[in-house]
Amino acid sequence: STGDPGVPYETAYLAFLKTIRSFYPNAYFFLTIGPMLGASDLAVADTRLSNIAGNWTAQTGDKKVAVFDFGTQNLGSNGEIPSGCDWHPSIAEHQTMAGILSAKLTTYLGW
C-alpha cells in the first residue's frame, strides 16, 4: 500500500467525472472498490470515493453517482486460502462480485 492519495486524487476524479458526464449525460456512474483492499486501505478508498460522490452531487445536483465496494476477499488468517494469481480474485470471487454488482444494478437501475 502506498497510502492515502489525498485531495489531489479527489480533484482529478471530479474532473474525470465532468469529462465522462459530458459524453454520457444520462448514465449512472458507479465508483467501485475491488476486493483486494481491506481494513484501513478499504476505509481510505471508501472515504475518498464517498467524498468525490458527495462533492459531485453538491457541485452539480447530479445524483446519478453511487459508491460501493465488493467486500474483502477471504484469504484466511495468513493467506492460506487459494485465490487467483498473486492474490487477485479467483473465479469464485468474481462470481461473488458479479452477484454484488447485480444487486446494486437492481437497486439503482431497477433491472
Protein backbone atom coordinates (compact mmCIF):
# COMPACT_ATOMS: atom_id res chain seq x y z
CA SER A 1 0.00 0.00 0.00
CA THR A 2 1.22 3.46 -0.84
CA GLY A 3 -1.22 5.20 1.48
CA ASP A 4 -3.84 7.86 1.06
CA PRO A 5 -3.73 9.62 -2.33
CA GLY A 6 -5.27 12.72 -0.74
CA VAL A 7 -7.33 15.59 -2.03
CA PRO A 8 -5.46 15.79 -5.38
CA TYR A 9 -6.97 12.37 -6.19
CA GLU A 10 -10.45 13.68 -5.42
CA THR A 11 -9.87 16.79 -7.55
CA ALA A 12 -8.63 14.74 -10.51
CA TYR A 13 -11.51 12.27 -10.15
CA LEU A 14 -14.06 15.12 -10.17
CA ALA A 15 -12.51 16.41 -13.40
CA PHE A 16 -12.73 12.88 -14.82
CA LEU A 17 -16.43 12.66 -13.87
CA LYS A 18 -17.06 16.00 -15.58
CA THR A 19 -15.46 14.69 -18.76
CA ILE A 20 -17.34 11.41 -18.87
CA ARG A 21 -20.62 13.09 -17.90
CA SER A 22 -20.24 15.31 -20.98
CA PHE A 23 -20.23 12.17 -23.14
CA TYR A 24 -22.87 10.25 -21.16
CA PRO A 25 -25.32 12.82 -19.77
CA ASN A 26 -27.91 10.29 -18.54
CA ALA A 27 -25.70 7.44 -17.34
CA TYR A 28 -25.46 6.24 -13.76
CA PHE A 29 -21.83 6.17 -12.57
CA PHE A 30 -20.69 3.60 -10.04
CA LEU A 31 -17.49 4.34 -8.15
CA THR A 32 -16.43 0.90 -7.01
CA ILE A 33 -13.73 -0.62 -4.83
CA GLY A 34 -12.39 -4.07 -5.63
CA PRO A 35 -12.00 -6.89 -3.10
CA MET A 36 -8.21 -6.71 -2.72
CA LEU A 37 -8.35 -3.87 -0.20
CA GLY A 38 -9.05 -4.47 3.44
CA ALA A 39 -9.06 -2.71 6.79
CA SER A 40 -7.52 0.77 6.70
CA ASP A 41 -6.87 0.78 2.93
CA LEU A 42 -10.53 -0.02 2.26
CA ALA A 43 -11.62 2.71 4.66
CA VAL A 44 -9.39 5.28 2.92
CA ALA A 45 -10.65 4.30 -0.54
CA ASP A 46 -14.27 4.38 0.63
CA THR A 47 -13.80 7.81 2.23
CA ARG A 48 -12.17 9.26 -0.88
CA LEU A 49 -14.83 7.90 -3.25
CA SER A 50 -17.64 8.95 -0.92
CA ASN A 51 -16.15 12.45 -0.77
CA ILE A 52 -15.99 12.53 -4.56
CA ALA A 53 -19.60 11.43 -4.97
CA GLY A 54 -20.79 13.87 -2.32
CA ASN A 55 -18.84 16.78 -3.78
CA TRP A 56 -20.05 15.91 -7.27
CA THR A 57 -23.69 15.97 -6.19
CA ALA A 58 -23.20 19.18 -4.16
CA GLN A 59 -21.50 20.93 -7.08
CA THR A 60 -23.75 19.73 -9.89
CA GLY A 61 -27.00 18.48 -8.38
CA ASP A 62 -26.38 15.21 -10.25
CA LYS A 63 -27.45 12.30 -8.05
CA LYS A 64 -26.59 9.56 -10.53
CA VAL A 65 -23.33 8.66 -8.82
CA ALA A 66 -23.03 5.84 -6.28
CA VAL A 67 -20.17 4.31 -4.31
CA PHE A 68 -19.89 0.70 -3.25
CA ASP A 69 -17.25 -1.92 -2.59
CA PHE A 70 -17.14 -5.60 -3.42
CA GLY A 71 -16.22 -6.64 0.09
CA THR A 72 -12.84 -8.05 1.02
CA GLN A 73 -11.78 -11.40 -0.36
CA ASN A 74 -11.26 -14.11 2.20
CA LEU A 75 -7.64 -15.25 2.13
CA GLY A 76 -7.70 -16.80 5.58
CA SER A 77 -5.77 -15.55 8.56
CA ASN A 78 -2.40 -15.98 6.86
CA GLY A 79 -3.22 -16.19 3.16
CA GLU A 80 -3.72 -19.96 3.16
CA ILE A 81 -7.00 -19.86 1.21
CA PRO A 82 -6.27 -20.12 -2.52
CA SER A 83 -7.10 -17.15 -4.67
CA GLY A 84 -6.19 -16.05 -8.17
CA CYS A 85 -2.68 -15.23 -9.35
CA ASP A 86 -0.79 -13.02 -6.89
CA TRP A 87 -3.85 -12.85 -4.61
CA HIS A 88 -6.08 -11.37 -7.31
CA PRO A 89 -9.71 -12.57 -7.20
CA SER A 90 -10.36 -16.16 -8.19
CA ILE A 91 -13.20 -17.35 -10.41
CA ALA A 92 -15.37 -17.93 -7.33
CA GLU A 93 -14.57 -14.45 -6.03
CA HIS A 94 -15.51 -12.96 -9.40
CA GLN A 95 -18.82 -14.81 -9.18
CA THR A 96 -19.40 -13.27 -5.75
CA MET A 97 -18.54 -9.84 -7.15
CA ALA A 98 -20.99 -10.39 -10.03
CA GLY A 99 -23.74 -11.10 -7.51
CA ILE A 100 -22.93 -7.89 -5.62
CA LEU A 101 -22.90 -5.89 -8.86
CA SER A 102 -26.19 -7.43 -9.99
CA ALA A 103 -27.85 -6.50 -6.69
CA LYS A 104 -26.56 -2.91 -6.95
CA LEU A 105 -27.79 -2.57 -10.53
CA THR A 106 -31.20 -3.81 -9.41
CA THR A 107 -31.24 -1.31 -6.54
CA TYR A 108 -30.14 1.72 -8.56
CA LEU A 109 -31.49 0.94 -12.03
CA GLY A 110 -34.43 -1.37 -11.33
CA TRP A 111 -33.03 -4.14 -13.54
